Amino acid sequence: MITEHKKRKKLLYITDQQEYTDHGAIGPLFNGYLKEYYDVHIVYFTKFKNSFQAKGTDYVVPQQYKKEISCYMDSKGVNLSSYDYVFVRNKPDILKNILENREKYGYKVGYRLSFPKTEEIYEAYKANNSNSIINTVKNYFTKQSKKNLLSKCDIFMPTSKDMEDTFYADTGVRSFPLPAGLDPARITPHRKSDGVERYFIYVGTLDSLREFEKVLVAFTKVHSDNWHLNISTFDSEFARNVMQKYPTISKKVSIIKADNFDELLVQIDDCDVGIALLPDIPIYSTAIPAKTMDYYTCAIPTLLTDNAKNRTLFSDEDALFCNFESDEIVAKLEKIIDMSEEEIAKMGHAGQDKLLAHKRNYKIMAKELYEELESL
């Protein structure tokens, strides 16, 4: 008699993440709720070791073997023929290798695109006025190459349908969008921040394309002193260099860093309102910012760019909106500072409840992904 365990299908998820990374949907969705339906193994990469490691259901692979991942895993005793599905996250070079070996091993191939990195680089060149015909042509052919790979996949998992339609339309591949979501096991109720000031938090990088300095400029113009801003970022040194341009608010801004997701949630929980303002350009307006889900995990409402995509999920009852213009940001910040704690808590809980009831719940998303894969 075949045991229930042996009947279970297997899924290998090859990430683009370094060992020990706690990132996005990898933990709660693929390394969590999806395990109710499949035996899931995760591949991480390392820059610091030269040997292969198996840690429970995780594999750690030296980074230099990424482009020949199939051959390398095979040489380490990992039977790729035992997997029904092999997913690749974000890396076309790894996807190419997995597709080339699909017939040999017999698995179905999925590609997970969390963010259009190539387009971000291209937009950064434009934003810095350093774009050229060479960059434009390179971006075109890179995108066409990626589309060609996508067309060979069994399933494509972009962050949103809008992202697919904008950057990767007409590939003909079966699509199942996987947006950022909430882990119902991690949610907490809204907690008032300590002290009398209104505490804001921004999670993320401060690069020129995101134009976060426009938000900093807005804070310099806010009339009230009853606020504090925490910036949680991996590149603390860069953030401190940016803040040197704004000495008038330097004492009102703290630069902090979280080494893991648990630490990040503690930092968010200490604040009242999250900031997810981004320029209204296609790479940002085709998906709701992932950091928004981190904020609502702690039931703190989020200040979002007022665009059609953000409005598809949130309303004035559960989020805060303004256009990405300095004067409007100033006005909205002043309004938020004047809001009562009860108003903020009510808005945060409303957003959290909405996301949990939606497909933005990783437990629900795992079930729907399982059903989608079984219908391939």
Protein backbone atom coordinates (compact mmCIF):
# COMPACT_ATOMS: atom_id res chain seq x y z
CA MET A 1 0.00 0.00 0.00
CA ILE A 2 1.37 3.43 -0.98
CA THR A 3 1.48 5.84 1.93
CA GLU A 4 -0.15 9.24 1.76
CA HIS A 5 3.30 10.84 2.00
CA LYS A 6 4.51 9.03 -1.12
CA LYS A 7 1.44 10.13 -3.05
CA ARG A 8 2.23 13.77 -2.48
CA LYS A 9 3.67 15.68 -5.41
CA LYS A 10 6.94 17.54 -5.07
CA LEU A 11 7.83 21.13 -5.94
CA LEU A 12 11.30 22.66 -6.14
CA TYR A 13 11.44 26.45 -5.80
CA ILE A 14 14.73 27.97 -6.94
CA THR A 15 14.95 31.45 -5.44
CA ASP A 16 17.24 34.35 -6.27
CA GLN A 17 17.84 34.88 -2.58
CA GLN A 18 20.87 34.42 -0.38
CA GLU A 19 20.94 31.87 2.42
CA TYR A 20 19.07 32.95 5.57
CA THR A 21 17.02 35.51 3.66
CA ASP A 22 13.47 36.00 4.94
CA HIS A 23 11.89 37.57 1.89
CA GLY A 24 8.39 38.22 0.55
CA ALA A 25 6.23 35.21 -0.17
CA ILE A 26 9.07 32.67 -0.02
CA GLY A 27 8.60 31.95 3.67
CA PRO A 28 4.85 32.12 4.32
CA LEU A 29 3.58 30.90 0.94
CA PHE A 30 6.11 28.51 -0.58
CA ASN A 31 7.91 27.39 2.57
CA GLY A 32 4.72 27.52 4.60
CA TYR A 33 1.10 27.15 3.51
CA LEU A 34 1.85 25.43 0.19
CA LYS A 35 3.37 22.55 2.15
CA GLU A 36 -0.17 21.55 3.08
CA TYR A 37 -0.49 20.37 -0.53
CA TYR A 38 3.01 19.54 -1.79
CA ASP A 39 6.40 18.50 -0.53
CA VAL A 40 8.21 21.79 -1.18
CA HIS A 41 11.99 22.17 -1.30
CA ILE A 42 13.60 25.61 -1.52
CA VAL A 43 16.95 26.44 -3.16
CA TYR A 44 18.90 29.39 -1.77
CA PHE A 45 22.30 30.65 -2.87
CA THR A 46 25.39 31.62 -0.93
CA LYS A 47 28.34 33.87 -1.71
CA PHE A 48 30.28 32.67 1.33
CA LYS A 49 30.55 28.89 0.91
CA ASN A 50 31.90 26.62 -1.79
CA SER A 51 30.03 23.46 -0.81
CA PHE A 52 26.47 22.22 -1.27
CA GLN A 53 24.30 21.91 1.82
CA ALA A 54 20.95 20.24 2.54
CA LYS A 55 19.15 21.72 5.54
CA GLY A 56 15.85 19.97 6.12
CA THR A 57 13.75 20.87 3.06
CA ASP A 58 16.17 23.62 1.99
CA TYR A 59 19.17 23.40 -0.31
CA VAL A 60 22.03 25.90 -0.23
CA VAL A 61 24.00 26.21 -3.47
CA PRO A 62 27.22 28.20 -4.05
CA GLN A 63 26.35 31.18 -6.19
CA GLN A 64 28.83 30.33 -8.96
CA TYR A 65 26.71 27.34 -10.02
CA LYS A 66 23.52 29.28 -10.74
CA LYS A 67 23.66 29.04 -14.52
CA GLU A 68 24.23 25.28 -14.43
CA ILE A 69 21.88 24.56 -11.57
CA SER A 70 20.33 21.38 -13.03
CA CYS A 71 23.65 19.62 -13.58
CA TYR A 72 24.95 20.80 -10.22
CA MET A 73 21.91 19.59 -8.25
CA ASP A 74 22.05 16.27 -10.09
CA SER A 75 25.73 15.85 -9.17
CA LYS A 76 24.83 16.38 -5.50
CA GLY A 77 22.30 13.58 -5.46
CA VAL A 78 19.16 15.69 -5.84
CA ASN A 79 16.87 13.71 -8.16
CA LEU A 80 15.19 16.36 -10.31
CA SER A 81 13.06 13.62 -11.90
CA SER A 82 11.28 13.25 -8.56
CA TYR A 83 9.86 16.79 -8.80
CA ASP A 84 6.55 17.42 -10.50
CA TYR A 85 7.15 21.18 -10.61
CA VAL A 86 10.26 23.36 -10.70
CA PHE A 87 9.77 27.08 -10.14
CA VAL A 88 12.35 29.81 -10.73
CA ARG A 89 12.22 33.24 -9.09
CA ASN A 90 13.29 36.32 -11.07
CA LYS A 91 16.41 34.94 -12.78
CA PRO A 92 16.13 34.36 -16.57
CA ASP A 93 19.55 32.67 -16.72
CA ILE A 94 18.43 30.05 -14.19
CA LEU A 95 15.09 29.68 -15.97
CA LYS A 96 16.91 29.03 -19.24
CA ASN A 97 18.83 26.14 -17.68
CA ILE A 98 15.69 24.67 -16.11
CA LEU A 99 13.80 24.83 -19.41
CA GLU A 100 16.68 23.21 -21.29
CA ASN A 101 16.50 20.22 -18.92
CA ARG A 102 12.71 19.90 -18.67
CA GLU A 103 12.42 17.04 -21.16
CA LYS A 104 15.24 15.12 -19.48
CA TYR A 105 13.66 15.24 -16.02
CA GLY A 106 9.95 15.55 -16.85
CA TYR A 107 8.92 18.40 -14.55
CA LYS A 108 6.58 21.33 -15.30
CA VAL A 109 8.18 24.77 -15.18
CA GLY A 110 6.92 27.90 -13.46
CA TYR A 111 8.46 31.38 -13.45
CA ARG A 112 7.87 33.76 -10.56
CA LEU A 113 8.48 37.45 -11.31
CA SER A 114 8.30 39.59 -8.19
CA PHE A 115 9.47 42.81 -9.85
CA PRO A 116 10.58 43.85 -13.37
CA LYS A 117 14.24 44.50 -12.50
CA THR A 118 15.40 45.11 -16.08
CA GLU A 119 12.77 47.81 -16.53
CA GLU A 120 13.74 49.37 -13.20
CA ILE A 121 17.35 49.71 -14.35
CA TYR A 122 16.19 51.20 -17.65
CA GLU A 123 13.94 53.71 -15.86
CA ALA A 124 16.82 54.60 -13.54
CA TYR A 125 18.94 55.52 -16.54
CA LYS A 126 16.12 57.72 -17.80
CA ALA A 127 15.61 59.35 -14.42
CA ASN A 128 19.32 60.20 -14.21
CA ASN A 129 19.34 61.51 -17.80
CA SER A 130 21.96 58.91 -18.68
CA ASN A 131 19.85 56.87 -21.05
CA SER A 132 21.12 56.22 -24.55
CA ILE A 133 20.19 54.44 -27.74
CA ILE A 134 22.43 51.57 -26.63
CA ASN A 135 20.53 51.22 -23.34
CA THR A 136 17.19 51.41 -25.14
CA VAL A 137 18.17 48.70 -27.61
CA LYS A 138 19.65 46.55 -24.86
CA ASN A 139 16.46 46.85 -22.81
CA TYR A 140 14.38 45.86 -25.86
CA PHE A 141 16.36 42.72 -26.60
CA THR A 142 16.59 41.73 -22.93
CA LYS A 143 12.82 42.00 -22.66
CA GLN A 144 12.28 40.03 -25.87
CA SER A 145 14.62 37.30 -24.63
CA LYS A 146 12.71 37.07 -21.37
CA LYS A 147 9.40 36.92 -23.24
CA ASN A 148 10.75 34.07 -25.34
CA LEU A 149 11.66 32.12 -22.20
CA LEU A 150 8.28 32.88 -20.64
CA SER A 151 6.46 31.50 -23.67
CA LYS A 152 8.06 28.11 -22.99
CA CYS A 153 6.93 27.91 -19.36
CA ASP A 154 3.92 25.98 -18.13
CA ILE A 155 2.88 28.79 -15.80
CA PHE A 156 3.89 32.41 -15.19
CA MET A 157 3.43 34.00 -11.75
CA PRO A 158 3.83 37.80 -11.99
CA THR A 159 3.09 40.06 -9.03
CA SER A 160 0.02 41.39 -10.85
CA LYS A 161 -1.89 41.06 -14.11
CA ASP A 162 -1.23 44.74 -14.77
CA MET A 163 2.51 44.10 -14.54
CA GLU A 164 2.22 41.27 -17.05
CA ASP A 165 0.08 43.31 -19.45
CA THR A 166 2.46 46.28 -19.28
CA PHE A 167 5.81 44.50 -19.59
CA TYR A 168 5.24 40.91 -20.76
CA ALA A 169 2.05 40.82 -22.80
CA ASP A 170 1.44 38.38 -25.66
CA THR A 171 3.68 35.56 -24.45
CA GLY A 172 0.80 33.10 -24.62
CA VAL A 173 1.82 31.51 -21.32
CA ARG A 174 -0.74 30.55 -18.69
CA SER A 175 -0.71 33.22 -16.01
CA PHE A 176 -1.47 33.07 -12.30
CA PRO A 177 -0.60 36.38 -10.56
CA LEU A 178 0.84 36.09 -7.05
CA PRO A 179 0.70 39.48 -5.35
CA ALA A 180 2.27 40.29 -2.00
CA GLY A 181 0.01 39.28 0.85
CA LEU A 182 -0.48 38.81 4.57
CA ASP A 183 0.45 35.79 6.63
CA PRO A 184 -2.55 35.25 8.94
CA ALA A 185 -0.26 33.62 11.51
CA ARG A 186 1.71 36.85 11.93
CA ILE A 187 -0.96 39.53 12.11
CA THR A 188 -1.25 41.73 15.18
CA PRO A 189 -3.81 44.35 16.25
CA HIS A 190 -2.99 48.03 15.96
CA ARG A 191 -0.90 49.31 18.86
CA LYS A 192 -0.53 52.97 19.66
CA SER A 193 3.06 54.14 19.40
CA ASP A 194 4.82 55.30 22.55
CA GLY A 195 4.93 59.02 23.27
CA VAL A 196 2.80 61.88 21.98
CA GLU A 197 4.32 62.25 18.50
CA ARG A 198 2.79 60.74 15.35
CA TYR A 199 5.23 58.05 14.27
CA PHE A 200 5.66 57.35 10.55
CA ILE A 201 7.72 54.52 9.07
CA TYR A 202 9.17 54.01 5.62
CA VAL A 203 10.56 50.57 4.73
CA GLY A 204 12.80 50.27 1.68
CA THR A 205 15.60 51.88 -0.29
CA LEU A 206 16.12 55.58 -0.90
CA ASP A 207 17.37 55.39 -4.49
CA SER A 208 16.75 58.16 -7.00
CA LEU A 209 14.11 56.25 -8.96
CA ARG A 210 11.83 55.97 -5.92
CA GLU A 211 12.30 59.70 -5.30
CA PHE A 212 11.90 59.36 -1.56
CA GLU A 213 13.63 62.69 -1.13
CA LYS A 214 10.40 64.29 -2.30
CA VAL A 215 8.83 62.91 0.88
CA LEU A 216 11.72 64.24 2.97
CA VAL A 217 11.30 67.67 1.40
CA ALA A 218 7.61 67.52 2.34
CA PHE A 219 8.50 66.78 5.96
CA THR A 220 10.73 69.89 6.04
CA LYS A 221 7.65 71.94 5.15
CA VAL A 222 5.27 70.44 7.70
CA HIS A 223 4.30 73.13 10.24
CA SER A 224 3.77 70.81 13.18
CA ASP A 225 6.66 69.37 15.20
CA ASN A 226 4.45 66.57 16.48
CA TRP A 227 5.90 63.82 14.31
CA HIS A 228 8.80 61.42 13.94
CA LEU A 229 9.93 59.38 10.92
CA ASN A 230 11.67 56.00 11.09
CA ILE A 231 13.44 54.83 7.92
CA SER A 232 14.11 51.08 7.93
CA THR A 233 16.60 50.27 5.21
CA PHE A 234 19.41 47.80 4.50
CA ASP A 235 21.74 50.57 3.30
CA SER A 236 21.97 52.68 6.44
CA GLU A 237 25.09 54.50 5.32
CA PHE A 238 23.46 55.68 2.11
CA ALA A 239 20.38 56.82 4.06
CA ARG A 240 22.56 58.81 6.48
CA ASN A 241 24.28 60.50 3.53
CA VAL A 242 20.88 61.44 2.10
CA MET A 243 19.77 62.87 5.44
CA GLN A 244 22.76 65.23 5.52
CA LYS A 245 20.89 67.29 2.94
CA TYR A 246 18.06 67.87 5.43
CA PRO A 247 19.63 69.17 8.66
CA THR A 248 16.44 70.92 9.79
CA ILE A 249 14.70 67.58 10.34
CA SER A 250 17.69 65.38 11.21
CA LYS A 251 16.59 65.07 14.85
CA LYS A 252 13.10 64.04 13.72
CA VAL A 253 14.32 61.12 11.62
CA SER A 254 15.78 57.80 12.81
CA ILE A 255 17.56 55.42 10.44
CA ILE A 256 17.12 51.82 11.52
CA LYS A 257 17.78 48.36 10.10
CA ALA A 258 16.03 45.00 10.46
CA ASP A 259 18.08 41.82 10.10
CA ASN A 260 14.99 39.66 9.63
CA PHE A 261 11.25 39.89 9.12
CA ASP A 262 10.45 39.50 12.83
CA GLU A 263 12.61 42.52 13.63
CA LEU A 264 10.94 44.49 10.83
CA LEU A 265 7.48 43.76 12.21
CA VAL A 266 8.57 45.01 15.64
CA GLN A 267 9.79 48.24 14.02
CA ILE A 268 6.50 48.67 12.15
CA ASP A 269 4.44 47.87 15.24
CA ASP A 270 6.18 50.74 17.05
CA CYS A 271 4.72 53.25 14.55
CA ASP A 272 1.33 54.67 13.61
CA VAL A 273 1.35 55.09 9.81
CA GLY A 274 3.34 53.46 7.02
CA ILE A 275 4.59 55.33 3.96
CA ALA A 276 4.50 53.66 0.54
CA LEU A 277 4.52 56.71 -1.72
CA LEU A 278 6.15 56.03 -5.09
CA PRO A 279 6.29 57.90 -8.41
CA ASP A 280 3.30 57.16 -10.62
CA ILE A 281 5.29 55.41 -13.37
CA PRO A 282 4.56 51.96 -14.85
CA ILE A 283 7.05 49.88 -12.86
CA TYR A 284 5.43 51.15 -9.63
CA SER A 285 1.83 51.72 -10.72
CA THR A 286 1.24 48.18 -12.02
CA ALA A 287 1.48 46.53 -8.58
CA ILE A 288 0.61 47.57 -5.04
CA PRO A 289 3.85 48.13 -3.06
CA ALA A 290 4.86 44.99 -1.17
CA LYS A 291 5.76 47.05 1.92
CA THR A 292 2.06 47.88 2.22
CA MET A 293 1.41 44.27 3.27
CA ASP A 294 4.09 44.53 5.97
CA TYR A 295 2.38 47.62 7.37
CA TYR A 296 -1.08 46.06 7.44
CA THR A 297 0.30 42.93 9.09
CA CYS A 298 0.58 45.23 12.11
CA ALA A 299 -2.72 46.97 11.28
CA ILE A 300 -1.14 50.35 10.64
CA PRO A 301 -2.71 52.29 7.74
CA THR A 302 -0.59 53.20 4.73
CA LEU A 303 -0.04 56.44 2.82
CA LEU A 304 -0.19 55.45 -0.85
CA THR A 305 0.14 57.21 -4.18
CA ASP A 306 -3.33 58.01 -5.47
CA ASN A 307 -3.42 55.90 -8.63
CA ALA A 308 -5.81 53.43 -10.22
CA LYS A 309 -3.91 50.33 -9.10
CA ASN A 310 -3.83 51.25 -5.42
CA ARG A 311 -7.51 52.18 -5.62
CA THR A 312 -8.42 48.72 -6.94
CA LEU A 313 -7.74 47.29 -3.49
CA PHE A 314 -7.91 50.14 -0.98
CA SER A 315 -10.40 52.93 -0.29
CA ASP A 316 -10.52 56.04 1.88
CA GLU A 317 -11.89 53.89 4.70
CA ASP A 318 -8.78 51.73 4.98
CA ALA A 319 -5.88 53.71 3.48
CA LEU A 320 -4.52 57.25 2.99
CA PHE A 321 -3.95 58.69 -0.48
CA CYS A 322 -2.27 61.65 -2.12
CA ASN A 323 -0.67 62.44 -5.46
CA PHE A 324 3.11 62.20 -5.64
CA GLU A 325 3.59 65.96 -5.49
CA SER A 326 5.38 67.78 -2.67
CA ASP A 327 2.58 70.22 -1.79
CA GLU A 328 -0.01 67.44 -1.67
CA ILE A 329 2.28 65.25 0.43
CA VAL A 330 2.75 68.13 2.90
CA ALA A 331 -1.02 68.63 3.20
CA LYS A 332 -1.65 64.93 3.70
CA LEU A 333 1.10 64.58 6.33
CA GLU A 334 -0.35 67.49 8.29
CA LYS A 335 -3.80 65.91 8.11
CA ILE A 336 -2.45 62.58 9.37
CA ILE A 337 -0.65 64.28 12.27
CA ASP A 338 -3.98 65.83 13.29
CA MET A 339 -5.93 62.55 13.08
CA SER A 340 -7.06 60.91 16.30
CA GLU A 341 -5.55 57.63 17.42
CA GLU A 342 -9.01 56.06 17.12
CA GLU A 343 -9.29 57.09 13.45
CA ILE A 344 -5.88 55.63 12.64
CA ALA A 345 -6.53 52.36 14.47
CA LYS A 346 -9.92 51.95 12.79
CA MET A 347 -8.38 52.50 9.36
CA GLY A 348 -5.53 50.06 10.06
CA HIS A 349 -7.86 47.29 11.21
CA ALA A 350 -10.19 47.85 8.24
CA GLY A 351 -7.29 47.42 5.81
CA GLN A 352 -6.01 44.34 7.60
CA ASP A 353 -9.46 42.72 7.61
CA LYS A 354 -9.92 43.47 3.90
CA LEU A 355 -6.59 41.92 2.94
CA LEU A 356 -7.19 38.78 5.01
CA ALA A 357 -10.58 38.26 3.40
CA HIS A 358 -9.08 38.80 -0.03
CA LYS A 359 -6.69 36.75 -2.12
CA ARG A 360 -4.05 38.79 -0.28
CA ASN A 361 -4.09 36.07 2.40
CA TYR A 362 -1.20 33.62 1.88
CA LYS A 363 -3.24 30.71 3.22
CA ILE A 364 -5.93 31.34 0.59
CA MET A 365 -3.30 31.96 -2.09
CA ALA A 366 -1.64 28.59 -1.38
CA LYS A 367 -4.91 26.74 -1.88
CA GLU A 368 -5.66 28.59 -5.12
CA LEU A 369 -2.14 28.02 -6.45
CA TYR A 370 -2.46 24.30 -5.69
CA GLU A 371 -5.77 24.15 -7.59
CA GLU A 372 -4.21 26.02 -10.52
CA LEU A 373 -1.23 23.67 -10.71
CA GLU A 374 -3.43 20.58 -10.53
CA SER A 375 -5.34 21.83 -13.56
CA LEU A 376 -2.22 22.17 -15.75
